[in-house]
Amino acid sequence: MPRFNNDQVSAIIWFASGGFIAWGSAGYGLGSLASPGSGFITFLAGLGICFFSFIGLVEATLRQRKGGRWKPVMKGLDWGKAFLVMGALTAYALLLSRLGFIICTALFVGFMLRVVKPQGWPVVIAGGVLAALGTYGIFELWLQAQLPRGPLGF
């Protein structure tokens, strides 16, 4: 019988990865809060990974004490949906410059809402449109990042 459950093993791996990221980024110079160095953000990211993986490790350990055991990771996995998502991401990347950000994003989010976790048409349409317009507002209008324009000019 294994000593650890799945979540404990993955939390330990993520903790080690976060520690490695923090340790490696410290070599680039952390600077100070007023004048951060080039390794400051990646150092904080590594600490964040360590923090959240530690929380996951504690939660997994408490669950193991209540009887949670090792489970086969690939058992019961729906490969059809995984391939649909990969195909949709590929189509999104290929069509983004032709259709533009708003249309392509609305179609992609709508497809995900309809196929991956089937929702009704009102949720699919509203979710796709709101996600596309919301991200457009954040990136194009607020942050002034250039997003691909479609044949209709937006």
Foldseek 3Di string as FASTA:
>chain_A
DDPAAPQLVVLVVQLVVLVVQLVVLVVQPQDDPVDGGPSNVSNVVSVVSNVVSVVSNVVRVVVVVVPDHYDDPPPPDDVVVVVVLVVLVVVLVVCCQAAHQLVSQLVSQLCCCCPVVRDDPVCSNVVSNCVSVVVCCVVCVVVVHDTRAYPVGD
